[in-house]
Amino acid sequence: MKSPRPYAVLFDLDGTLIDSIDLLLASVNHAFDGRNPAPTNDEWIAGIGTPLAKQLRPFARSDNEAAELQERYRVFQREHHDRLTTAFAGVVDTLSELERRGHPMGVVTSKSNEMMTRGVAYVGLDRFMTTMIGADSCTVHKPDAFPVQLALKELGYGTDEAVFVGDSPHDVASGNAAGVVSIAALWGPFTREQLITHSPAYFLDSITDLPALLHRIQNA
């Protein structure tokens, strides 16, 4: 039975709501400057959607080096955040329309809570968010179902009355594991071909198409 209330809408952050991929790549390139081995841009992009510490560890020779790399990454990220962060076109207007229609919204990201809060506020999306789950909000992360389930618990919604919009395979896998409707965003760094093997329920070419898609899902 379909939920009589507007579906909850959860969003990934980087590559879905905010265009920050250049910032993430610049940060990791700074962290590894002069070091070897270092991740290629493609290798780093593949891990976006998982916590920074997990991304860094395969390229570090020790826990101490991993901690040093993380600190170098964070210092650069904080310094250059505002210069290299913007909301994708249509995001603010779309979320405003979803709010008007009564959809509760939240963020589920593997970004640190510090940078999640800063990014959401900087692009003016904080007023729409009832819950925000970051890497520091829990110990189990995407692609596990737990962060999605935690966000829905805070919203007071069930998995059968929610969607999760994200641009990475980790987002789709997390949404599917949680039992929500997974929607793959195609304006981020991942291609349709990279996402289709993870079986999202829907693909979305533009954020501006989301209100109509939600209406269709809820009234199917």
Protein backbone atom coordinates (compact mmCIF):
# COMPACT_ATOMS: atom_id res chain seq x y z
CA MET A 1 0.00 0.00 0.00
CA LYS A 2 1.35 3.40 -1.00
CA SER A 3 2.09 5.89 1.75
CA PRO A 4 -0.62 8.57 2.01
CA ARG A 5 1.95 11.20 2.95
CA PRO A 6 4.60 12.64 0.62
CA TYR A 7 7.64 10.39 0.36
CA ALA A 8 10.79 11.23 2.27
CA VAL A 9 13.61 12.21 -0.08
CA LEU A 10 17.19 11.48 0.91
CA PHE A 11 20.12 12.83 -1.07
CA ASP A 12 23.79 12.10 -1.36
CA LEU A 13 25.84 15.31 -1.26
CA ASP A 14 28.99 15.42 -3.44
CA GLY A 15 28.12 14.88 -7.09
CA THR A 16 24.39 14.94 -6.36
CA LEU A 17 23.47 18.23 -4.67
CA ILE A 18 26.80 20.04 -4.79
CA ASP A 19 29.37 20.21 -7.56
CA SER A 20 32.53 19.60 -5.54
CA ILE A 21 34.39 16.91 -7.46
CA ASP A 22 37.12 19.35 -8.51
CA LEU A 23 37.62 20.19 -4.83
CA LEU A 24 37.90 16.52 -3.87
CA LEU A 25 40.42 15.81 -6.62
CA ALA A 26 42.47 18.91 -5.86
CA SER A 27 42.51 17.94 -2.17
CA VAL A 28 43.77 14.42 -2.77
CA ASN A 29 46.33 15.58 -5.33
CA HIS A 30 47.64 18.04 -2.74
CA ALA A 31 47.74 15.35 -0.05
CA PHE A 32 49.81 13.02 -2.24
CA ASP A 33 52.00 15.66 -3.87
CA GLY A 34 55.50 14.14 -4.27
CA ARG A 35 54.41 10.76 -2.90
CA ASN A 36 54.18 7.32 -4.46
CA PRO A 37 51.98 5.36 -4.72
CA ALA A 38 49.26 7.93 -5.31
CA PRO A 39 45.72 7.39 -6.58
CA THR A 40 44.81 8.42 -10.10
CA ASN A 41 41.80 10.68 -10.53
CA ASP A 42 39.74 7.72 -11.78
CA GLU A 43 40.75 5.61 -8.77
CA TRP A 44 39.80 8.42 -6.40
CA ILE A 45 36.47 9.08 -8.09
CA ALA A 46 35.61 5.36 -7.82
CA GLY A 47 35.81 5.65 -4.03
CA ILE A 48 33.78 8.84 -3.70
CA GLY A 49 30.78 7.99 -1.56
CA THR A 50 32.85 6.13 1.03
CA PRO A 51 34.62 7.73 4.04
CA LEU A 52 37.91 9.54 3.45
CA ALA A 53 39.89 7.28 5.79
CA LYS A 54 38.75 4.22 3.87
CA GLN A 55 39.70 5.83 0.56
CA LEU A 56 43.16 6.81 1.77
CA ARG A 57 44.21 3.61 3.52
CA PRO A 58 45.12 1.48 0.43
CA PHE A 59 47.58 4.17 -0.68
CA ALA A 60 49.30 4.63 2.70
CA ARG A 61 52.18 2.50 4.00
CA SER A 62 51.07 2.81 7.64
CA ASP A 63 48.34 4.12 9.87
CA ASN A 64 50.53 7.10 10.72
CA GLU A 65 51.00 7.96 7.05
CA ALA A 66 47.26 7.59 6.48
CA ALA A 67 46.60 10.04 9.31
CA GLU A 68 49.14 12.49 7.87
CA LEU A 69 47.58 12.24 4.41
CA GLN A 70 44.14 12.83 5.85
CA GLU A 71 45.32 15.96 7.67
CA ARG A 72 46.97 17.33 4.48
CA TYR A 73 43.73 16.63 2.60
CA ARG A 74 41.59 18.32 5.22
CA VAL A 75 43.76 21.46 5.46
CA PHE A 76 43.56 21.97 1.69
CA GLN A 77 39.84 21.14 1.58
CA ARG A 78 38.99 23.67 4.28
CA GLU A 79 41.08 26.40 2.65
CA HIS A 80 39.66 25.99 -0.85
CA HIS A 81 36.12 24.79 -0.05
CA ASP A 82 34.20 27.93 -0.94
CA ARG A 83 36.14 28.55 -4.15
CA LEU A 84 35.45 25.05 -5.48
CA THR A 85 31.94 24.32 -4.17
CA THR A 86 28.62 25.24 -5.76
CA ALA A 87 25.12 23.79 -5.97
CA PHE A 88 24.30 22.08 -9.25
CA ALA A 89 21.99 24.08 -11.50
CA GLY A 90 18.36 23.62 -10.54
CA VAL A 91 19.03 22.14 -7.10
CA VAL A 92 17.78 25.04 -4.98
CA ASP A 93 14.60 25.52 -7.03
CA THR A 94 13.89 21.78 -7.06
CA LEU A 95 14.28 21.38 -3.31
CA SER A 96 12.10 24.42 -2.80
CA GLU A 97 9.39 22.75 -4.89
CA LEU A 98 9.75 19.49 -2.95
CA GLU A 99 9.39 21.42 0.29
CA ARG A 100 6.26 23.10 -1.08
CA ARG A 101 4.83 19.65 -1.84
CA GLY A 102 5.49 18.48 1.71
CA HIS A 103 8.40 16.08 1.14
CA PRO A 104 10.70 15.82 4.18
CA MET A 105 14.34 15.82 3.06
CA GLY A 106 17.72 14.74 4.35
CA VAL A 107 21.33 14.22 3.39
CA VAL A 108 23.13 10.88 3.66
CA THR A 109 26.82 11.26 2.86
CA SER A 110 30.15 9.69 3.72
CA LYS A 111 31.68 13.16 3.99
CA SER A 112 32.78 14.31 7.45
CA ASN A 113 30.06 16.02 9.44
CA GLU A 114 32.15 19.19 9.52
CA MET A 115 32.43 19.46 5.74
CA MET A 116 28.89 18.18 5.17
CA THR A 117 27.45 20.92 7.38
CA ARG A 118 29.65 23.55 5.80
CA GLY A 119 28.84 22.51 2.24
CA VAL A 120 25.09 22.30 2.75
CA ALA A 121 25.01 25.70 4.45
CA TYR A 122 27.35 27.36 1.95
CA VAL A 123 25.10 26.58 -1.03
CA GLY A 124 21.93 27.44 0.91
CA LEU A 125 20.39 23.99 1.28
CA ASP A 126 20.43 23.71 5.07
CA ARG A 127 16.94 25.20 5.37
CA PHE A 128 15.50 22.21 3.50
CA MET A 129 17.13 19.45 5.54
CA THR A 130 15.41 17.82 8.50
CA THR A 131 18.22 15.30 9.00
CA MET A 132 21.84 15.08 7.90
CA ILE A 133 23.84 11.89 8.29
CA GLY A 134 27.59 12.20 7.72
CA ALA A 135 30.62 9.99 8.23
CA ASP A 136 30.79 10.92 11.92
CA SER A 137 27.11 10.16 12.53
CA CYS A 138 27.62 6.40 12.51
CA THR A 139 30.29 3.70 12.35
CA VAL A 140 28.75 1.79 9.43
CA HIS A 141 28.74 3.56 6.08
CA LYS A 142 27.55 3.27 2.50
CA PRO A 143 27.19 0.91 0.70
CA ASP A 144 25.64 -0.57 3.86
CA ALA A 145 21.97 0.18 4.50
CA PHE A 146 22.56 1.64 7.96
CA PRO A 147 23.07 5.36 7.15
CA VAL A 148 19.87 5.41 5.10
CA GLN A 149 17.98 3.60 7.84
CA LEU A 150 19.32 6.04 10.44
CA ALA A 151 18.15 9.05 8.42
CA LEU A 152 14.68 7.55 8.02
CA LYS A 153 14.49 6.79 11.74
CA GLU A 154 15.22 10.46 12.46
CA LEU A 155 12.51 11.48 9.99
CA GLY A 156 10.00 8.99 11.36
CA TYR A 157 9.58 7.31 7.97
CA GLY A 158 9.66 3.68 6.84
CA THR A 159 11.81 2.32 4.04
CA ASP A 160 8.66 1.72 1.99
CA GLU A 161 7.91 5.45 1.84
CA ALA A 162 11.24 6.93 0.84
CA VAL A 163 13.65 7.43 -2.04
CA PHE A 164 17.40 7.91 -2.05
CA VAL A 165 18.94 10.03 -4.82
CA GLY A 166 22.67 9.56 -5.39
CA ASP A 167 25.25 9.65 -8.12
CA SER A 168 27.55 6.78 -7.11
CA PRO A 169 27.30 2.98 -7.06
CA HIS A 170 27.73 3.19 -3.27
CA ASP A 171 24.56 5.30 -3.03
CA VAL A 172 22.53 2.92 -5.16
CA ALA A 173 23.77 -0.10 -3.22
CA SER A 174 22.96 1.57 0.11
CA GLY A 175 19.47 2.53 -1.02
CA ASN A 176 18.77 -0.94 -2.36
CA ALA A 177 20.08 -2.58 0.81
CA ALA A 178 17.80 -0.37 2.90
CA GLY A 179 14.77 -1.18 0.77
CA VAL A 180 14.04 2.37 -0.40
CA VAL A 181 13.56 3.41 -4.02
CA SER A 182 17.03 4.12 -5.38
CA ILE A 183 17.36 6.89 -7.97
CA ALA A 184 20.65 7.23 -9.85
CA ALA A 185 21.68 10.80 -10.61
CA LEU A 186 23.42 11.11 -13.98
CA TRP A 187 24.91 14.60 -13.61
CA GLY A 188 27.73 13.48 -11.29
CA PRO A 189 31.05 11.82 -12.23
CA PHE A 190 29.59 8.33 -12.73
CA THR A 191 28.16 7.14 -16.04
CA ARG A 192 24.94 5.26 -16.67
CA GLU A 193 27.06 2.22 -17.54
CA GLN A 194 28.84 2.37 -14.18
CA LEU A 195 25.55 2.65 -12.31
CA ILE A 196 23.31 0.25 -14.19
CA THR A 197 25.08 -2.86 -12.86
CA HIS A 198 23.95 -1.83 -9.35
CA SER A 199 20.29 -1.86 -10.42
CA PRO A 200 18.85 1.53 -9.46
CA ALA A 201 15.08 1.66 -9.67
CA TYR A 202 15.24 4.83 -11.78
CA PHE A 203 17.72 7.03 -13.60
CA LEU A 204 17.45 10.81 -13.43
CA ASP A 205 19.04 12.99 -16.12
CA SER A 206 18.34 16.28 -14.33
CA ILE A 207 17.51 17.23 -10.75
CA THR A 208 14.67 19.34 -12.12
CA ASP A 209 12.90 16.15 -13.21
CA LEU A 210 12.71 14.84 -9.64
CA PRO A 211 9.33 16.31 -8.55
CA ALA A 212 7.59 14.73 -11.54
CA LEU A 213 9.33 11.39 -10.95
CA LEU A 214 8.31 11.39 -7.29
CA HIS A 215 4.72 12.08 -8.26
CA ARG A 216 4.86 9.13 -10.66
CA ILE A 217 6.41 6.81 -8.08
CA GLN A 218 3.94 7.72 -5.38
CA ASN A 219 0.92 7.39 -7.64
CA ALA A 220 1.92 4.28 -9.58
